[in-house]
Amino acid sequence: VQLVESGGGLVQPGGSLRLSCAASGFAFIWYDMSWYRQAPEKERELVATITSAGGSTNYADSVKGRFTISRDNAKKTVYLQMNTLKSEDTAVYYCHARYMIRNYWGQGTQVTVSS
């Protein structure tokens, strides 16, 4: 099982980034997919979730209206489009897959928002 995140980097406030998470080794289409983030000295927090069929999404209040989660089941990939980035969005972003009692984590990708 692998979840491989990409697309992180350094961006100025107000800028955009698109994170990708490529999945392999499990039945991606069955799994709800989420993005979490963890800033230094803070707890890991849920950013966004998309259900297995892609019919429902949920967002943390702090990112509503700025971030969009989506998935491509044919490519076994989940995305996080992040717009109007703020310094407080700086964190390591993790991809997460969940189906019943099974869950998997990616290794994380760093997003730094700074001028």
Protein backbone atom coordinates (compact mmCIF):
# COMPACT_ATOMS: atom_id res chain seq x y z
CA VAL A 1 0.00 0.00 0.00
CA GLN A 2 1.29 3.43 -0.93
CA LEU A 3 0.01 6.99 -0.76
CA VAL A 4 2.46 9.39 -2.38
CA GLU A 5 1.86 13.11 -2.00
CA SER A 6 3.35 15.73 -4.30
CA GLY A 7 2.90 19.38 -5.18
CA GLY A 8 4.03 21.03 -1.99
CA GLY A 9 6.49 23.91 -1.89
CA LEU A 10 7.05 27.54 -1.06
CA VAL A 11 4.39 30.04 -2.13
CA GLN A 12 3.68 33.67 -1.34
CA PRO A 13 0.58 34.70 0.61
CA GLY A 14 -2.39 34.89 -1.73
CA GLY A 15 -0.91 32.29 -4.03
CA SER A 16 -2.10 28.82 -5.01
CA LEU A 17 -0.86 25.25 -4.91
CA ARG A 18 -2.32 21.96 -6.02
CA LEU A 19 -1.45 18.87 -4.02
CA SER A 20 -1.77 15.38 -5.46
CA CYS A 21 -1.87 12.02 -3.75
CA ALA A 22 -1.33 8.93 -5.87
CA ALA A 23 -2.61 5.68 -4.37
CA SER A 24 -1.60 2.12 -5.06
CA GLY A 25 -1.94 -1.30 -3.50
CA PHE A 26 -5.56 -1.08 -2.37
CA ALA A 27 -9.06 -0.64 -3.80
CA PHE A 28 -8.99 3.14 -4.03
CA ILE A 29 -12.56 3.46 -5.23
CA TRP A 30 -13.92 2.06 -1.94
CA TYR A 31 -12.04 4.49 0.27
CA ASP A 32 -13.00 7.89 1.60
CA MET A 33 -10.01 10.16 1.08
CA SER A 34 -8.88 13.04 3.22
CA TRP A 35 -6.19 15.63 3.55
CA TYR A 36 -4.80 16.43 6.99
CA ARG A 37 -2.15 18.93 7.99
CA GLN A 38 0.18 19.41 10.90
CA ALA A 39 1.92 22.66 11.70
CA PRO A 40 4.97 22.80 13.98
CA GLU A 41 4.04 22.17 17.62
CA LYS A 42 0.38 21.71 16.72
CA GLU A 43 -1.92 18.71 16.52
CA ARG A 44 -2.68 17.12 13.18
CA GLU A 45 -5.97 18.47 11.89
CA LEU A 46 -8.46 17.38 9.26
CA VAL A 47 -8.55 19.74 6.28
CA ALA A 48 -10.94 18.12 3.81
CA THR A 49 -12.65 14.81 3.03
CA ILE A 50 -14.23 13.38 -0.10
CA THR A 51 -16.36 10.24 -0.05
CA SER A 52 -15.55 7.14 -2.04
CA ALA A 53 -17.91 7.98 -4.90
CA GLY A 54 -16.94 11.62 -4.78
CA GLY A 55 -20.46 12.72 -4.07
CA SER A 56 -19.80 14.47 -0.80
CA THR A 57 -17.08 16.74 0.50
CA ASN A 58 -16.39 18.35 3.86
CA TYR A 59 -13.97 21.07 4.85
CA ALA A 60 -12.50 22.58 7.96
CA ASP A 61 -13.96 26.00 8.63
CA SER A 62 -10.51 27.54 8.23
CA VAL A 63 -10.25 26.49 4.57
CA LYS A 64 -13.87 26.67 3.35
CA GLY A 65 -14.15 28.71 0.19
CA ARG A 66 -10.38 28.54 -0.45
CA PHE A 67 -9.58 24.83 -0.76
CA THR A 68 -11.20 22.22 -2.99
CA ILE A 69 -10.77 18.46 -2.67
CA SER A 70 -11.41 16.23 -5.66
CA ARG A 71 -10.59 12.73 -6.85
CA ASP A 72 -10.06 10.81 -10.03
CA ASN A 73 -10.90 7.17 -9.37
CA ALA A 74 -9.56 6.07 -12.74
CA LYS A 75 -6.15 7.55 -11.89
CA LYS A 76 -6.40 6.55 -8.20
CA THR A 77 -5.49 10.08 -7.25
CA VAL A 78 -6.91 12.65 -4.87
CA TYR A 79 -6.19 16.37 -5.18
CA LEU A 80 -6.28 19.42 -2.98
CA GLN A 81 -6.51 22.74 -4.78
CA MET A 82 -5.45 25.48 -2.40
CA ASN A 83 -6.14 29.09 -3.28
CA THR A 84 -5.66 32.38 -1.45
CA LEU A 85 -3.07 30.77 0.76
CA LYS A 86 -2.26 32.32 4.12
CA SER A 87 0.78 32.03 6.37
CA GLU A 88 -1.33 29.96 8.78
CA ASP A 89 -1.73 27.31 6.07
CA THR A 90 1.95 26.47 6.48
CA ALA A 91 2.16 22.81 7.50
CA VAL A 92 3.00 19.32 6.38
CA TYR A 93 0.01 18.02 4.43
CA TYR A 94 -0.86 14.33 4.64
CA CYS A 95 -3.07 12.19 2.48
CA HIS A 96 -5.28 9.66 4.29
CA ALA A 97 -7.43 6.77 3.08
CA ARG A 98 -10.17 5.14 5.14
CA TYR A 99 -12.52 2.20 4.52
CA MET A 100 -14.25 0.74 7.55
CA ILE A 101 -11.44 -0.18 9.97
CA ARG A 102 -8.68 0.11 7.39
CA ASN A 103 -6.77 3.33 7.04
CA TYR A 104 -3.50 4.43 5.44
CA TRP A 105 -1.31 7.52 5.57
CA GLY A 106 1.04 9.13 3.13
CA GLN A 107 4.46 10.46 4.10
CA GLY A 108 3.44 14.10 3.81
CA THR A 109 4.43 17.09 1.71
CA GLN A 110 5.57 20.44 3.07
CA VAL A 111 3.62 23.58 2.22
CA THR A 112 5.19 26.87 3.25
CA VAL A 113 3.38 30.16 2.76
CA SER A 114 5.76 33.06 3.18
CA SER A 115 6.84 36.25 1.49
